[in-house]
Protein backbone atom coordinates (compact mmCIF):
# COMPACT_ATOMS: atom_id res chain seq x y z
CA MET A 1 -92.21 150.12 98.95
CA ALA A 2 -93.22 153.24 97.08
CA PHE A 3 -94.84 152.97 93.64
CA LEU A 4 -94.64 155.98 91.33
CA HIS A 5 -96.19 156.48 87.91
CA CYS A 6 -94.32 159.31 86.22
CA GLU A 7 -94.73 161.28 83.03
CA ILE A 8 -91.32 162.70 82.20
CA ALA A 9 -90.26 165.11 79.48
CA SER A 10 -87.64 163.24 77.45
CA GLU A 11 -85.10 165.34 75.59
CA SER A 12 -84.02 162.49 73.31
CA LEU A 13 -87.62 161.54 72.40
CA ARG A 14 -88.75 165.18 72.36
CA MET A 15 -92.00 164.30 74.06
CA ALA A 16 -93.50 163.23 77.36
CA THR A 17 -93.27 159.52 78.11
CA ALA A 18 -94.37 157.23 80.92
CA VAL A 19 -92.15 155.39 83.37
CA ASP A 20 -93.17 153.43 86.47
CA VAL A 21 -90.76 153.25 89.40
CA ILE A 22 -90.74 151.03 92.49
CA LEU A 23 -88.57 152.34 95.32
CA PRO A 24 -87.66 151.07 98.79
CA ASP A 25 -89.22 153.34 101.37
CA LYS A 26 -86.30 152.96 103.79
CA GLY A 27 -82.58 153.49 103.51
CA ASP A 28 -80.32 155.49 101.22
CA LEU A 29 -81.46 155.16 97.61
CA SER A 30 -77.94 155.88 96.37
CA GLU A 31 -76.86 152.55 97.87
CA VAL A 32 -79.62 150.26 96.60
CA LYS A 33 -79.42 148.09 93.50
CA THR A 34 -81.51 149.18 90.52
CA LEU A 35 -83.26 146.85 88.09
CA TYR A 36 -84.38 148.20 84.72
CA LEU A 37 -87.24 145.92 83.65
CA LEU A 38 -88.23 146.07 79.97
CA HIS A 39 -91.61 145.24 78.44
CA GLY A 40 -92.50 143.19 75.36
CA LEU A 41 -93.89 144.11 71.96
CA THR A 42 -97.59 144.14 72.86
CA ASP A 43 -97.25 145.57 76.38
CA ASP A 44 -96.33 148.89 77.95
CA CYS A 45 -94.63 150.01 81.15
CA THR A 46 -97.50 148.62 83.26
CA GLY A 47 -97.25 145.00 82.12
CA TRP A 48 -94.81 143.72 84.71
CA THR A 49 -96.72 145.23 87.63
CA ARG A 50 -100.12 144.09 86.29
CA TYR A 51 -99.21 140.47 85.58
CA THR A 52 -96.43 139.57 88.03
CA ALA A 53 -95.58 140.14 91.68
CA VAL A 54 -92.53 142.25 90.84
CA GLU A 55 -93.21 144.77 93.62
CA ARG A 56 -93.23 142.01 96.22
CA TYR A 57 -90.04 140.52 94.78
CA ALA A 58 -88.39 143.94 94.89
CA ARG A 59 -89.43 144.45 98.50
CA GLU A 60 -87.93 141.09 99.49
CA ARG A 61 -84.53 142.21 98.18
CA GLY A 62 -84.67 145.97 98.73
CA LEU A 63 -84.41 146.73 95.01
CA ALA A 64 -85.37 149.80 93.03
CA VAL A 65 -87.17 148.87 89.80
CA VAL A 66 -87.53 151.14 86.76
CA LEU A 67 -90.12 150.20 84.09
CA PRO A 68 -89.87 152.35 80.95
CA GLU A 69 -92.15 152.72 77.94
CA VAL A 70 -90.80 152.22 74.39
CA GLN A 71 -93.90 151.47 72.27
CA ARG A 72 -93.15 148.88 69.50
CA SER A 73 -89.66 150.22 68.75
CA PHE A 74 -87.68 147.05 69.48
CA TYR A 75 -85.40 149.14 71.69
CA THR A 76 -83.76 150.72 68.63
CA ASP A 77 -82.91 154.19 67.48
CA MET A 78 -85.48 153.87 64.73
CA ALA A 79 -84.64 154.69 61.12
CA TYR A 80 -87.92 156.61 60.78
CA GLY A 81 -89.05 157.20 64.31
CA LEU A 82 -87.75 157.85 67.78
CA PRO A 83 -84.36 157.03 69.41
CA TYR A 84 -85.65 154.64 72.04
CA PHE A 85 -82.35 152.81 72.51
CA THR A 86 -80.61 156.09 73.35
CA TYR A 87 -83.48 156.94 75.69
CA VAL A 88 -83.38 153.63 77.61
CA SER A 89 -79.61 153.16 77.70
CA GLU A 90 -78.49 156.74 78.31
CA GLU A 91 -81.16 159.32 79.14
CA LEU A 92 -83.41 157.24 81.41
CA PRO A 93 -80.63 156.15 83.84
CA ALA A 94 -79.45 159.76 84.08
CA VAL A 95 -83.01 160.94 84.78
CA CYS A 96 -83.52 158.29 87.48
CA ARG A 97 -80.25 159.20 89.18
CA ARG A 98 -81.12 162.88 89.13
CA MET A 99 -84.74 162.51 90.24
CA PHE A 100 -84.47 159.60 92.68
CA GLY A 101 -80.81 159.57 93.71
CA LEU A 102 -80.16 156.05 92.39
CA GLY A 103 -76.55 154.89 92.17
CA ALA A 104 -74.50 154.88 88.96
CA ALA A 105 -71.93 152.20 89.90
CA ARG A 106 -71.87 149.18 87.62
CA GLU A 107 -72.33 146.74 90.49
CA GLN A 108 -75.62 148.46 91.39
CA ASN A 109 -77.32 148.24 87.99
CA TYR A 110 -79.09 145.34 86.27
CA ILE A 111 -81.37 145.07 83.25
CA PHE A 112 -83.98 142.35 82.53
CA GLY A 113 -86.74 142.00 79.96
CA LEU A 114 -89.21 139.66 78.28
CA SER A 115 -89.53 138.87 74.56
CA MET A 116 -88.79 142.18 72.77
CA GLY A 117 -87.60 143.45 76.15
CA GLY A 118 -85.32 140.42 76.56
CA TYR A 119 -83.68 141.45 73.32
CA GLY A 120 -83.47 145.03 74.62
CA ALA A 121 -81.86 143.96 77.89
CA MET A 122 -79.19 141.91 76.10
CA LYS A 123 -78.59 144.73 73.62
CA CYS A 124 -78.03 147.26 76.42
CA ALA A 125 -75.70 144.93 78.31
CA LEU A 126 -73.65 143.87 75.29
CA THR A 127 -73.41 147.42 73.91
CA TYR A 128 -72.46 148.96 77.27
CA PRO A 129 -71.03 146.11 79.36
CA GLY A 130 -69.40 148.52 81.77
CA ARG A 131 -72.77 149.87 82.93
CA TYR A 132 -74.49 146.67 84.12
CA ALA A 133 -73.56 143.98 86.59
CA GLY A 134 -76.10 141.60 85.07
CA ALA A 135 -78.68 141.19 82.32
CA ALA A 136 -81.49 138.70 81.84
CA SER A 137 -83.62 137.78 78.83
CA PHE A 138 -86.85 135.82 79.23
CA SER A 139 -88.17 134.32 75.96
CA GLY A 140 -86.05 136.92 74.23
CA VAL A 141 -85.96 137.66 70.51
CA CYS A 142 -82.28 136.77 70.57
CA ASP A 143 -81.79 136.16 66.84
CA LEU A 144 -83.45 139.31 65.56
CA ARG A 145 -81.74 139.24 62.15
CA ARG A 146 -83.11 135.80 61.27
CA THR A 147 -86.48 136.59 62.83
CA VAL A 148 -86.87 139.70 60.65
CA GLU A 149 -85.55 137.99 57.51
CA ARG A 150 -88.08 135.19 57.89
CA ARG A 151 -90.83 137.61 58.96
CA SER A 152 -91.55 135.35 61.94
CA ILE A 153 -92.37 138.42 63.97
CA SER A 154 -95.58 140.28 64.84
CA LEU A 155 -94.59 143.50 63.09
CA HIS A 156 -96.23 144.98 60.01
CA GLU A 157 -94.00 145.64 57.00
CA SER A 158 -94.37 149.37 57.62
CA GLU A 159 -93.16 148.93 61.19
CA ILE A 160 -90.11 146.94 60.07
CA ALA A 161 -89.25 149.70 57.61
CA ALA A 162 -89.74 152.37 60.28
CA ILE A 163 -87.43 150.52 62.67
CA PHE A 164 -84.69 149.29 60.33
CA GLY A 165 -85.06 151.38 57.17
CA GLU A 166 -86.27 150.67 53.66
CA GLU A 167 -83.97 147.65 53.27
CA LYS A 168 -85.76 146.04 56.24
CA ALA A 169 -82.52 144.45 57.42
CA VAL A 170 -81.14 144.34 60.96
CA PRO A 171 -77.82 146.26 61.09
CA PRO A 172 -74.82 144.93 63.06
CA LYS A 173 -75.38 147.43 65.90
CA ASP A 174 -78.77 145.80 66.55
CA ASP A 175 -77.66 142.16 66.13
CA LEU A 176 -76.97 140.40 69.46
CA PHE A 177 -74.73 137.82 67.79
CA VAL A 178 -72.49 140.57 66.39
CA LEU A 179 -72.55 142.56 69.63
CA ALA A 180 -71.41 139.48 71.56
CA GLU A 181 -68.53 138.99 69.09
CA ARG A 182 -67.50 142.64 69.42
CA LEU A 183 -67.76 142.73 73.21
CA SER A 184 -64.82 144.52 74.77
CA GLY A 185 -64.06 144.61 78.47
CA GLU A 186 -65.52 142.46 81.19
CA ALA A 187 -68.88 140.97 80.28
CA PRO A 188 -71.77 141.42 82.71
CA GLY A 189 -73.48 138.37 84.14
CA LEU A 190 -75.89 136.97 81.57
CA TYR A 191 -79.03 134.92 82.20
CA LEU A 192 -81.35 133.44 79.56
CA SER A 193 -84.60 131.52 79.92
CA CYS A 194 -87.08 130.22 77.37
CA GLY A 195 -89.97 127.79 77.43
CA GLU A 196 -89.43 124.60 75.47
CA GLN A 197 -92.78 125.06 73.68
CA ASP A 198 -92.02 128.70 72.81
CA GLY A 199 -91.52 129.55 69.14
CA LEU A 200 -88.35 131.42 70.18
CA TYR A 201 -86.77 128.42 71.89
CA ALA A 202 -84.52 127.43 68.95
CA ALA A 203 -83.24 131.01 68.66
CA ASN A 204 -82.42 131.08 72.37
CA GLU A 205 -80.56 127.79 72.00
CA ARG A 206 -78.54 129.26 69.12
CA PHE A 207 -77.71 132.38 71.09
CA SER A 208 -76.64 130.38 74.14
CA ALA A 209 -74.40 128.23 71.93
CA HIS A 210 -72.95 131.38 70.36
CA LEU A 211 -72.14 132.85 73.78
CA ALA A 212 -70.50 129.57 74.76
CA SER A 213 -68.43 129.56 71.55
CA LEU A 214 -67.12 133.00 72.54
CA SER A 215 -66.36 131.78 76.09
CA LEU A 216 -68.89 134.24 77.51
CA ALA A 217 -70.14 132.86 80.81
CA HIS A 218 -73.91 132.72 81.07
CA ARG A 219 -76.76 130.60 82.32
CA PHE A 220 -79.52 129.27 80.07
CA ASP A 221 -82.52 127.83 81.90
CA HIS A 222 -85.32 126.09 80.04
CA TRP A 223 -88.28 124.01 81.06
CA PRO A 224 -91.71 123.15 79.64
CA GLY A 225 -93.53 126.38 78.93
CA ALA A 226 -94.77 128.84 76.31
CA HIS A 227 -94.76 132.58 75.64
CA THR A 228 -96.83 133.42 78.74
CA TRP A 229 -96.82 135.55 81.86
CA ASP A 230 -96.71 132.43 84.02
CA PHE A 231 -93.39 131.58 82.43
CA TRP A 232 -92.06 135.15 82.76
CA ASP A 233 -93.06 135.46 86.40
CA THR A 234 -91.19 132.23 87.16
CA SER A 235 -88.25 133.45 85.08
CA LEU A 236 -88.15 136.74 86.95
CA ARG A 237 -87.96 134.92 90.28
CA ALA A 238 -85.25 132.62 88.92
CA ALA A 239 -83.15 135.51 87.61
CA LEU A 240 -83.51 137.47 90.85
CA ALA A 241 -82.34 134.42 92.78
CA TYR A 242 -79.45 133.92 90.33
CA PHE A 243 -78.16 137.48 90.65
CA PHE A 244 -79.15 138.49 94.19
CA ASP A 245 -79.30 135.36 96.34
C-alpha cells in the first residue's frame, strides 16, 4: 500500500487543507473500491491511521481510503464558517478522482465515520444516496437535533452558533431523522454500531428504530463498550466484513 499525506488547495473552503490517502500499489485505481473515512470531533485526519490498523485492513481488501480534515464543523456548511459538507460530499471526491484516478461509480464508493464522523457519513449517504453503495456510523451522533437542544455535546455555545446560526437549532437538512424520511431513490447499505455503555447508545437505538419504521434496511450492531478507539477499531473491522466479505 501507498500512504500519502496531502495538502490540497480547496476551492470551496478557499484555503489549503489536509487529507490522508491510502492507495493499493498494484492494479488499476479506477477499478478499486474507495472508502471515505471520517474523523470525530476531537480528532483530525490522522486519527484513524494513528489509533487503528486501517491501512492493514485496506490492504487485505485492496481498498483505497480517503481521510479528510473538517475541524469541529460537524460536517456542515456552517452558518458562520466554512462549507465543510460541500467540501466532503462534492469537492473532495472530484479531487480524488482527478488526482488519483479513483472510480466514480456508486458501487465503488463507501463512507464510514466515528462519532461526529458517523453523523457525517450518514448525512452524506442519506443526502446523496445515489453516490454511495454503503455507509457506516460507529458511535454516531445520530440524533443531532436532540443532542444540541439538550446541550449534551462537547461544543461551546459559540461553536454551536457558528455551525447552526444564532438560533442554535439544527435545520432539517442537517437532521438525519428528516433526511431518512425524505430519502428518494434506492437507499445505500446502512450499518450502525454503538457501545452499550456509550452515552450515545439511546440515540443510536432511536435512529435504528426510525430507519426500521421507514422500512429502510440496515444493520445495528451493539455490544458492551464505550466511546473508545478499541470499540471503533472493532466496529471498522465489522463494517468492512459486512460490506466487503
